[in-house]
């Protein structure tokens, strides 16, 4: 269950890493106790997959947006990221 949840949370809001770690721990405990071994192995595999996807995603983000991190202001960094993503967001004043 935690393996599936971790993949979904990784895509939705990025906190799937935490549930993936919890899924690995719970999965290994279940395997060592011989409790629902098939589900435990599936959970371990899905949790490990979520962690691999997180590492790949972080690597992609850093490699593509590394030059935006060193800009002096947040506005310039945001414009750099938007330019690289091809997004044109106009500032709306309240």
PDB file of N, CA and C in Angstrom:
ATOM      1  N   UNK A   1       0.821  -1.192   0.000  1.00  0.00           N
ATOM      2  CA  UNK A   1       0.000   0.000   0.000  1.00  0.00           C
ATOM      3  C   UNK A   1       0.863   1.254   0.000  1.00  0.00           C
ATOM      4  N   UNK A   2       1.910   1.281   0.819  1.00  0.00           N
ATOM      5  CA  UNK A   2       2.780   2.448   0.869  1.00  0.00           C
ATOM      6  C   UNK A   2       3.564   2.627  -0.429  1.00  0.00           C
ATOM      7  N   UNK A   3       3.875   1.552  -1.115  1.00  0.00           N
ATOM      8  CA  UNK A   3       4.585   1.650  -2.389  1.00  0.00           C
ATOM      9  C   UNK A   3       3.763   2.362  -3.432  1.00  0.00           C
ATOM     10  N   UNK A   4       2.494   1.998  -3.546  1.00  0.00           N
ATOM     11  CA  UNK A   4       1.595   2.670  -4.491  1.00  0.00           C
ATOM     12  C   UNK A   4       1.410   4.122  -4.095  1.00  0.00           C
ATOM     13  N   UNK A   5       1.191   4.356  -2.816  1.00  0.00           N
ATOM     14  CA  UNK A   5       0.997   5.712  -2.313  1.00  0.00           C
ATOM     15  C   UNK A   5       2.234   6.569  -2.555  1.00  0.00           C
ATOM     16  N   UNK A   6       3.406   6.002  -2.398  1.00  0.00           N
ATOM     17  CA  UNK A   6       4.629   6.786  -2.587  1.00  0.00           C
ATOM     18  C   UNK A   6       4.800   7.223  -4.034  1.00  0.00           C
ATOM     19  N   UNK A   7       4.454   6.377  -4.988  1.00  0.00           N
ATOM     20  CA  UNK A   7       4.548   6.766  -6.398  1.00  0.00           C
ATOM     21  C   UNK A   7       3.547   7.877  -6.701  1.00  0.00           C
ATOM     22  N   UNK A   8       2.333   7.748  -6.193  1.00  0.00           N
ATOM     23  CA  UNK A   8       1.331   8.791  -6.426  1.00  0.00           C
ATOM     24  C   UNK A   8       1.733  10.111  -5.771  1.00  0.00           C
ATOM     25  N   UNK A   9       2.207  10.061  -4.541  1.00  0.00           N
ATOM     26  CA  UNK A   9       2.604  11.283  -3.850  1.00  0.00           C
ATOM     27  C   UNK A   9       3.854  11.903  -4.446  1.00  0.00           C
ATOM     28  N   UNK A  10       4.696  11.094  -5.038  1.00  0.00           N
ATOM     29  CA  UNK A  10       5.888  11.611  -5.694  1.00  0.00           C
ATOM     30  C   UNK A  10       5.495  12.465  -6.893  1.00  0.00           C
ATOM     31  N   UNK A  11       4.529  12.010  -7.636  1.00  0.00           N
ATOM     32  CA  UNK A  11       4.070  12.740  -8.812  1.00  0.00           C
ATOM     33  C   UNK A  11       3.252  13.962  -8.410  1.00  0.00           C
ATOM     34  N   UNK A  12       2.417  13.820  -7.411  1.00  0.00           N
ATOM     35  CA  UNK A  12       1.496  14.894  -7.040  1.00  0.00           C
ATOM     36  C   UNK A  12       2.197  16.020  -6.298  1.00  0.00           C
ATOM     37  N   UNK A  13       2.894  15.703  -5.240  1.00  0.00           N
ATOM     38  CA  UNK A  13       3.462  16.786  -4.430  1.00  0.00           C
ATOM     39  C   UNK A  13       4.892  16.551  -3.995  1.00  0.00           C
ATOM     40  N   UNK A  14       5.527  15.511  -4.441  1.00  0.00           N
ATOM     41  CA  UNK A  14       6.934  15.311  -4.174  1.00  0.00           C
ATOM     42  C   UNK A  14       7.291  14.724  -2.824  1.00  0.00           C
ATOM     43  N   UNK A  15       6.321  14.438  -1.971  1.00  0.00           N
ATOM     44  CA  UNK A  15       6.658  13.877  -0.663  1.00  0.00           C
ATOM     45  C   UNK A  15       6.604  12.356  -0.655  1.00  0.00           C
ATOM     46  N   UNK A  16       6.535  11.781  -1.835  1.00  0.00           N
ATOM     47  CA  UNK A  16       6.520  10.324  -1.941  1.00  0.00           C
ATOM     48  C   UNK A  16       7.798   9.682  -1.456  1.00  0.00           C
ATOM     49  N   UNK A  17       8.878  10.458  -1.354  1.00  0.00           N
ATOM     50  CA  UNK A  17      10.139   9.918  -0.848  1.00  0.00           C
ATOM     51  C   UNK A  17       9.961   9.447   0.597  1.00  0.00           C
ATOM     52  N   UNK A  18       9.237  10.224   1.379  1.00  0.00           N
ATOM     53  CA  UNK A  18       9.023   9.844   2.781  1.00  0.00           C
ATOM     54  C   UNK A  18       8.208   8.560   2.901  1.00  0.00           C
ATOM     55  N   UNK A  19       7.144   8.456   2.110  1.00  0.00           N
ATOM     56  CA  UNK A  19       6.341   7.237   2.172  1.00  0.00           C
ATOM     57  C   UNK A  19       7.085   6.051   1.560  1.00  0.00           C
ATOM     58  N   UNK A  20       7.970   6.322   0.598  1.00  0.00           N
ATOM     59  CA  UNK A  20       8.765   5.237   0.018  1.00  0.00           C
ATOM     60  C   UNK A  20       9.732   4.662   1.050  1.00  0.00           C
ATOM     61  N   UNK A  21      10.341   5.532   1.831  1.00  0.00           N
ATOM     62  CA  UNK A  21      11.247   5.060   2.883  1.00  0.00           C
ATOM     63  C   UNK A  21      10.466   4.252   3.922  1.00  0.00           C
ATOM     64  N   UNK A  22       9.300   4.778   4.312  1.00  0.00           N
ATOM     65  CA  UNK A  22       8.454   4.040   5.256  1.00  0.00           C
ATOM     66  C   UNK A  22       8.014   2.709   4.653  1.00  0.00           C
ATOM     67  N   UNK A  23       7.689   2.696   3.360  1.00  0.00           N
ATOM     68  CA  UNK A  23       7.285   1.469   2.687  1.00  0.00           C
ATOM     69  C   UNK A  23       8.388   0.427   2.654  1.00  0.00           C
ATOM     70  N   UNK A  24       9.631   0.891   2.438  1.00  0.00           N
ATOM     71  CA  UNK A  24      10.761  -0.048   2.471  1.00  0.00           C
ATOM     72  C   UNK A  24      10.923  -0.660   3.854  1.00  0.00           C
ATOM     73  N   UNK A  25      10.834   0.161   4.875  1.00  0.00           N
ATOM     74  CA  UNK A  25      11.001  -0.332   6.251  1.00  0.00           C
ATOM     75  C   UNK A  25       9.908  -1.340   6.596  1.00  0.00           C
ATOM     76  N   UNK A  26       8.663  -0.972   6.323  1.00  0.00           N
ATOM     77  CA  UNK A  26       7.540  -1.863   6.638  1.00  0.00           C
ATOM     78  C   UNK A  26       7.616  -3.136   5.797  1.00  0.00           C
ATOM     79  N   UNK A  27       8.017  -3.000   4.533  1.00  0.00           N
ATOM     80  CA  UNK A  27       8.136  -4.167   3.656  1.00  0.00           C
ATOM     81  C   UNK A  27       9.196  -5.146   4.136  1.00  0.00           C
ATOM     82  N   UNK A  28      10.347  -4.619   4.524  1.00  0.00           N
ATOM     83  CA  UNK A  28      11.405  -5.512   5.023  1.00  0.00           C
ATOM     84  C   UNK A  28      11.017  -6.169   6.345  1.00  0.00           C
ATOM     85  N   UNK A  29      10.330  -5.435   7.192  1.00  0.00           N
ATOM     86  CA  UNK A  29       9.859  -6.035   8.453  1.00  0.00           C
ATOM     87  C   UNK A  29       8.892  -7.179   8.159  1.00  0.00           C
ATOM     88  N   UNK A  30       7.975  -6.961   7.200  1.00  0.00           N
ATOM     89  CA  UNK A  30       7.003  -8.002   6.854  1.00  0.00           C
ATOM     90  C   UNK A  30       7.692  -9.225   6.247  1.00  0.00           C
ATOM     91  N   UNK A  31       8.715  -9.015   5.433  1.00  0.00           N
ATOM     92  CA  UNK A  31       9.439 -10.138   4.834  1.00  0.00           C
ATOM     93  C   UNK A  31      10.147 -10.940   5.916  1.00  0.00           C
ATOM     94  N   UNK A  32      10.799 -10.268   6.853  1.00  0.00           N
ATOM     95  CA  UNK A  32      11.524 -10.974   7.907  1.00  0.00           C
ATOM     96  C   UNK A  32      10.583 -11.713   8.856  1.00  0.00           C
ATOM     97  N   UNK A  33       9.362 -11.229   9.005  1.00  0.00           N
ATOM     98  CA  UNK A  33       8.387 -11.901   9.871  1.00  0.00           C
ATOM     99  C   UNK A  33       7.565 -12.944   9.110  1.00  0.00           C
ATOM    100  N   UNK A  34       7.809 -13.084   7.810  1.00  0.00           N
ATOM    101  CA  UNK A  34       7.052 -13.992   6.939  1.00  0.00           C
ATOM    102  C   UNK A  34       5.560 -13.702   6.974  1.00  0.00           C
ATOM    103  N   UNK A  35       5.211 -12.442   7.009  1.00  0.00           N
ATOM    104  CA  UNK A  35       3.820 -12.023   7.041  1.00  0.00           C
ATOM    105  C   UNK A  35       3.449 -11.423   5.689  1.00  0.00           C
ATOM    106  N   UNK A  36       2.561 -12.096   4.954  1.00  0.00           N
ATOM    107  CA  UNK A  36       2.127 -11.645   3.629  1.00  0.00           C
ATOM    108  C   UNK A  36       3.327 -11.284   2.763  1.00  0.00           C
ATOM    109  N   UNK A  37       4.149 -12.250   2.548  1.00  0.00           N
ATOM    110  CA  UNK A  37       5.429 -12.057   1.888  1.00  0.00           C
ATOM    111  C   UNK A  37       5.288 -11.502   0.466  1.00  0.00           C
ATOM    112  N   UNK A  38       4.284 -11.934  -0.270  1.00  0.00           N
ATOM    113  CA  UNK A  38       4.083 -11.458  -1.640  1.00  0.00           C
ATOM    114  C   UNK A  38       3.770  -9.974  -1.691  1.00  0.00           C
ATOM    115  N   UNK A  39       2.874  -9.540  -0.813  1.00  0.00           N
ATOM    116  CA  UNK A  39       2.544  -8.116  -0.751  1.00  0.00           C
ATOM    117  C   UNK A  39       3.735  -7.300  -0.265  1.00  0.00           C
ATOM    118  N   UNK A  40       4.489  -7.852   0.653  1.00  0.00           N
ATOM    119  CA  UNK A  40       5.653  -7.142   1.177  1.00  0.00           C
ATOM    120  C   UNK A  40       6.691  -6.925   0.082  1.00  0.00           C
ATOM    121  N   UNK A  41       6.928  -7.939  -0.720  1.00  0.00           N
ATOM    122  CA  UNK A  41       7.903  -7.812  -1.810  1.00  0.00           C
ATOM    123  C   UNK A  41       7.409  -6.815  -2.846  1.00  0.00           C
ATOM    124  N   UNK A  42       6.121  -6.848  -3.161  1.00  0.00           N
ATOM    125  CA  UNK A  42       5.565  -5.868  -4.100  1.00  0.00           C
ATOM    126  C   UNK A  42       5.718  -4.447  -3.549  1.00  0.00           C
ATOM    127  N   UNK A  43       5.486  -4.276  -2.265  1.00  0.00           N
ATOM    128  CA  UNK A  43       5.644  -2.965  -1.649  1.00  0.00           C
ATOM    129  C   UNK A  43       7.081  -2.493  -1.677  1.00  0.00           C
ATOM    130  N   UNK A  44       8.014  -3.407  -1.441  1.00  0.00           N
ATOM    131  CA  UNK A  44       9.437  -3.062  -1.491  1.00  0.00           C
ATOM    132  C   UNK A  44       9.822  -2.621  -2.897  1.00  0.00           C
ATOM    133  N   UNK A  45       9.351  -3.357  -3.894  1.00  0.00           N
ATOM    134  CA  UNK A  45       9.669  -3.020  -5.289  1.00  0.00           C
ATOM    135  C   UNK A  45       9.094  -1.661  -5.664  1.00  0.00           C
ATOM    136  N   UNK A  46       7.835  -1.400  -5.311  1.00  0.00           N
ATOM    137  CA  UNK A  46       7.223  -0.113  -5.645  1.00  0.00           C
ATOM    138  C   UNK A  46       7.861   1.040  -4.885  1.00  0.00           C
ATOM    139  N   UNK A  47       8.220   0.808  -3.639  1.00  0.00           N
ATOM    140  CA  UNK A  47       8.889   1.854  -2.860  1.00  0.00           C
ATOM    141  C   UNK A  47      10.272   2.156  -3.439  1.00  0.00           C
ATOM    142  N   UNK A  48      10.999   1.112  -3.824  1.00  0.00           N
ATOM    143  CA  UNK A  48      12.307   1.316  -4.447  1.00  0.00           C
ATOM    144  C   UNK A  48      12.164   2.040  -5.780  1.00  0.00           C
ATOM    145  N   UNK A  49      11.138   1.700  -6.545  1.00  0.00           N
ATOM    146  CA  UNK A  49      10.873   2.385  -7.812  1.00  0.00           C
ATOM    147  C   UNK A  49      10.600   3.868  -7.579  1.00  0.00           C
ATOM    148  N   UNK A  50       9.830   4.187  -6.556  1.00  0.00           N
ATOM    149  CA  UNK A  50       9.543   5.583  -6.233  1.00  0.00           C
ATOM    150  C   UNK A  50      10.823   6.333  -5.882  1.00  0.00           C
ATOM    151  N   UNK A  51      11.717   5.697  -5.126  1.00  0.00           N
ATOM    152  CA  UNK A  51      12.984   6.343  -4.780  1.00  0.00           C
ATOM    153  C   UNK A  51      13.866   6.550  -6.015  1.00  0.00           C
ATOM    154  N   UNK A  52      13.893   5.570  -6.906  1.00  0.00           N
ATOM    155  CA  UNK A  52      14.669   5.707  -8.142  1.00  0.00           C
ATOM    156  C   UNK A  52      14.107   6.851  -8.985  1.00  0.00           C
ATOM    157  N   UNK A  53      12.787   6.922  -9.106  1.00  0.00           N
ATOM    158  CA  UNK A  53      12.163   8.010  -9.863  1.00  0.00           C
ATOM    159  C   UNK A  53      12.451   9.368  -9.231  1.00  0.00           C
ATOM    160  N   UNK A  54      12.490   9.430  -7.918  1.00  0.00           N
ATOM    161  CA  UNK A  54      12.801  10.683  -7.224  1.00  0.00           C
ATOM    162  C   UNK A  54      14.234  11.121  -7.524  1.00  0.00           C
ATOM    163  N   UNK A  55      15.173  10.187  -7.497  1.00  0.00           N
ATOM    164  CA  UNK A  55      16.565  10.515  -7.791  1.00  0.00           C
ATOM    165  C   UNK A  55      16.705  10.986  -9.238  1.00  0.00           C
ATOM    166  N   UNK A  56      16.042  10.313 -10.155  1.00  0.00           N
ATOM    167  CA  UNK A  56      16.084  10.711 -11.564  1.00  0.00           C
ATOM    168  C   UNK A  56      15.474  12.105 -11.727  1.00  0.00           C
ATOM    169  N   UNK A  57      14.352  12.354 -11.083  1.00  0.00           N
ATOM    170  CA  UNK A  57      13.701  13.666 -11.178  1.00  0.00           C
ATOM    171  C   UNK A  57      14.544  14.783 -10.600  1.00  0.00           C
ATOM    172  N   UNK A  58      15.173  14.538  -9.468  1.00  0.00           N
ATOM    173  CA  UNK A  58      16.037  15.555  -8.863  1.00  0.00           C
ATOM    174  C   UNK A  58      17.253  15.807  -9.749  1.00  0.00           C
ATOM    175  N   UNK A  59      17.816  14.761 -10.297  1.00  0.00           N
ATOM    176  CA  UNK A  59      18.952  14.914 -11.201  1.00  0.00           C
ATOM    177  C   UNK A  59      18.588  15.706 -12.438  1.00  0.00           C
ATOM    178  N   UNK A  60      17.424  15.417 -13.011  1.00  0.00           N
ATOM    179  CA  UNK A  60      16.958  16.159 -14.186  1.00  0.00           C
ATOM    180  C   UNK A  60      16.759  17.625 -13.841  1.00  0.00           C
ATOM    181  N   UNK A  61      16.136  17.900 -12.710  1.00  0.00           N
ATOM    182  CA  UNK A  61      15.869  19.275 -12.302  1.00  0.00           C
ATOM    183  C   UNK A  61      17.172  20.044 -12.100  1.00  0.00           C
ATOM    184  N   UNK A  62      18.120  19.450 -11.412  1.00  0.00           N
ATOM    185  CA  UNK A  62      19.385  20.134 -11.153  1.00  0.00           C
ATOM    186  C   UNK A  62      20.156  20.366 -12.450  1.00  0.00           C
ATOM    187  N   UNK A  63      20.177  19.379 -13.327  1.00  0.00           N
ATOM    188  CA  UNK A  63      20.936  19.543 -14.571  1.00  0.00           C
ATOM    189  C   UNK A  63      20.318  20.591 -15.493  1.00  0.00           C
ATOM    190  N   UNK A  64      19.009  20.741 -15.462  1.00  0.00           N
ATOM    191  CA  UNK A  64      18.355  21.703 -16.344  1.00  0.00           C
ATOM    192  C   UNK A  64      18.259  23.106 -15.769  1.00  0.00           C
ATOM    193  N   UNK A  65      18.221  23.243 -14.457  1.00  0.00           N
ATOM    194  CA  UNK A  65      17.971  24.556 -13.862  1.00  0.00           C
ATOM    195  C   UNK A  65      19.106  25.028 -12.964  1.00  0.00           C
ATOM    196  N   UNK A  66      20.278  24.419 -13.064  1.00  0.00           N
ATOM    197  CA  UNK A  66      21.393  24.759 -12.198  1.00  0.00           C
ATOM    198  C   UNK A  66      21.815  26.216 -12.354  1.00  0.00           C
ATOM    199  N   UNK A  67      21.823  26.739 -13.568  1.00  0.00           N
ATOM    200  CA  UNK A  67      22.248  28.125 -13.761  1.00  0.00           C
ATOM    201  C   UNK A  67      21.242  29.127 -13.207  1.00  0.00           C
ATOM    202  N   UNK A  68      20.000  28.720 -12.993  1.00  0.00           N
ATOM    203  CA  UNK A  68      18.994  29.611 -12.406  1.00  0.00           C
ATOM    204  C   UNK A  68      19.192  29.767 -10.897  1.00  0.00           C
ATOM    205  N   UNK A  69      19.891  28.830 -10.262  1.00  0.00           N
ATOM    206  CA  UNK A  69      20.069  28.870  -8.801  1.00  0.00           C
ATOM    207  C   UNK A  69      21.001  29.984  -8.354  1.00  0.00           C
ATOM    208  N   UNK A  70      21.907  30.414  -9.219  1.00  0.00           N
ATOM    209  CA  UNK A  70      22.919  31.388  -8.810  1.00  0.00           C
ATOM    210  C   UNK A  70      22.525  32.833  -9.099  1.00  0.00           C
ATOM    211  N   UNK A  71      21.333  33.080  -9.579  1.00  0.00           N
ATOM    212  CA  UNK A  71      20.907  34.445  -9.870  1.00  0.00           C
ATOM    213  C   UNK A  71      20.651  35.199  -8.560  1.00  0.00           C
ATOM    214  N   UNK A  72      20.895  36.523  -8.551  1.00  0.00           N
ATOM    215  CA  UNK A  72      20.858  37.274  -7.289  1.00  0.00           C
ATOM    216  C   UNK A  72      19.478  37.444  -6.655  1.00  0.00           C
ATOM    217  N   UNK A  73      18.430  37.534  -7.445  1.00  0.00           N
ATOM    218  CA  UNK A  73      17.107  37.745  -6.850  1.00  0.00           C
ATOM    219  C   UNK A  73      16.178  36.592  -7.195  1.00  0.00           C
ATOM    220  N   UNK A  74      15.156  36.447  -6.384  1.00  0.00           N
ATOM    221  CA  UNK A  74      14.180  35.384  -6.614  1.00  0.00           C
ATOM    222  C   UNK A  74      13.400  35.636  -7.900  1.00  0.00           C
ATOM    223  N   UNK A  75      13.122  36.896  -8.206  1.00  0.00           N
ATOM    224  CA  UNK A  75      12.383  37.229  -9.425  1.00  0.00           C
ATOM    225  C   UNK A  75      13.163  36.807 -10.665  1.00  0.00           C
ATOM    226  N   UNK A  76      14.473  37.051 -10.656  1.00  0.00           N
ATOM    227  CA  UNK A  76      15.298  36.642 -11.800  1.00  0.00           C
ATOM    228  C   UNK A  76      15.369  35.121 -11.912  1.00  0.00           C
ATOM    229  N   UNK A  77      15.471  34.455 -10.779  1.00  0.00           N
ATOM    230  CA  UNK A  77      15.504  32.994 -10.790  1.00  0.00           C
ATOM    231  C   UNK A  77      14.184  32.435 -11.314  1.00  0.00           C
ATOM    232  N   UNK A  78      13.076  33.034 -10.891  1.00  0.00           N
ATOM    233  CA  UNK A  78      11.764  32.585 -11.366  1.00  0.00           C
ATOM    234  C   UNK A  78      11.629  32.811 -12.863  1.00  0.00           C
ATOM    235  N   UNK A  79      12.079  33.948 -13.357  1.00  0.00           N
ATOM    236  CA  UNK A  79      12.018  34.213 -14.791  1.00  0.00           C
ATOM    237  C   UNK A  79      12.888  33.237 -15.570  1.00  0.00           C
ATOM    238  N   UNK A  80      14.046  32.881 -15.020  1.00  0.00           N
ATOM    239  CA  UNK A  80      14.928  31.906 -15.662  1.00  0.00           C
ATOM    240  C   UNK A  80      14.239  30.548 -15.778  1.00  0.00           C
ATOM    241  N   UNK A  81      13.613  30.100 -14.695  1.00  0.00           N
ATOM    242  CA  UNK A  81      12.909  28.813 -14.702  1.00  0.00           C
ATOM    243  C   UNK A  81      11.747  28.852 -15.689  1.00  0.00           C
ATOM    244  N   UNK A  82      10.982  29.938 -15.679  1.00  0.00           N
ATOM    245  CA  UNK A  82       9.857  30.057 -16.609  1.00  0.00           C
ATOM    246  C   UNK A  82      10.335  30.041 -18.050  1.00  0.00           C
ATOM    247  N   UNK A  83      11.451  30.722 -18.320  1.00  0.00           N
ATOM    248  CA  UNK A  83      11.993  30.762 -19.676  1.00  0.00           C
ATOM    249  C   UNK A  83      12.417  29.354 -20.118  1.00  0.00           C
ATOM    250  N   UNK A  84      13.056  28.606 -19.222  1.00  0.00           N
ATOM    251  CA  UNK A  84      13.504  27.255 -19.568  1.00  0.00           C
ATOM    252  C   UNK A  84      12.327  26.294 -19.762  1.00  0.00           C
ATOM    253  N   UNK A  85      11.241  26.528 -19.025  1.00  0.00           N
ATOM    254  CA  UNK A  85      10.056  25.678 -19.170  1.00  0.00           C
ATOM    255  C   UNK A  85       9.167  26.123 -20.325  1.00  0.00           C
ATOM    256  N   UNK A  86       9.426  27.311 -20.861  1.00  0.00           N
ATOM    257  CA  UNK A  86       8.604  27.831 -21.941  1.00  0.00           C
ATOM    258  C   UNK A  86       7.268  28.357 -21.469  1.00  0.00           C
ATOM    259  N   UNK A  87       7.224  28.786 -20.208  1.00  0.00           N
ATOM    260  CA  UNK A  87       5.988  29.289 -19.618  1.00  0.00           C
ATOM    261  C   UNK A  87       6.081  30.800 -19.559  1.00  0.00           C
ATOM    262  N   UNK A  88       5.009  31.484 -19.948  1.00  0.00           N
ATOM    263  CA  UNK A  88       4.970  32.937 -19.880  1.00  0.00           C
ATOM    264  C   UNK A  88       3.921  33.337 -18.858  1.00  0.00           C
ATOM    265  N   UNK A  89       4.358  33.657 -17.642  1.00  0.00           N
ATOM    266  CA  UNK A  89       3.458  34.040 -16.578  1.00  0.00           C
ATOM    267  C   UNK A  89       3.614  35.521 -16.339  1.00  0.00           C
ATOM    268  N   UNK A  90       2.512  36.254 -16.453  1.00  0.00           N
ATOM    269  CA  UNK A  90       2.558  37.693 -16.218  1.00  0.00           C
ATOM    270  C   UNK A  90       2.251  37.969 -14.762  1.00  0.00           C
ATOM    271  N   UNK A  91       2.919  38.989 -14.212  1.00  0.00           N
ATOM    272  CA  UNK A  91       2.676  39.384 -12.837  1.00  0.00           C
ATOM    273  C   UNK A  91       1.321  40.075 -12.721  1.00  0.00           C
ATOM    274  N   UNK A  92       0.551  39.643 -11.748  1.00  0.00           N
ATOM    275  CA  UNK A  92      -0.755  40.236 -11.497  1.00  0.00           C
ATOM    276  C   UNK A  92      -0.671  40.979 -10.188  1.00  0.00           C
ATOM    277  N   UNK A  93      -0.930  42.290 -10.219  1.00  0.00           N
ATOM    278  CA  UNK A  93      -0.846  43.079  -8.986  1.00  0.00           C
ATOM    279  C   UNK A  93      -2.212  43.114  -8.326  1.00  0.00           C
ATOM    280  N   UNK A  94      -2.240  43.059  -6.983  1.00  0.00           N
ATOM    281  CA  UNK A  94      -3.529  43.025  -6.268  1.00  0.00           C
ATOM    282  C   UNK A  94      -4.221  44.356  -6.260  1.00  0.00           C
TER     283      UNK A  94
END
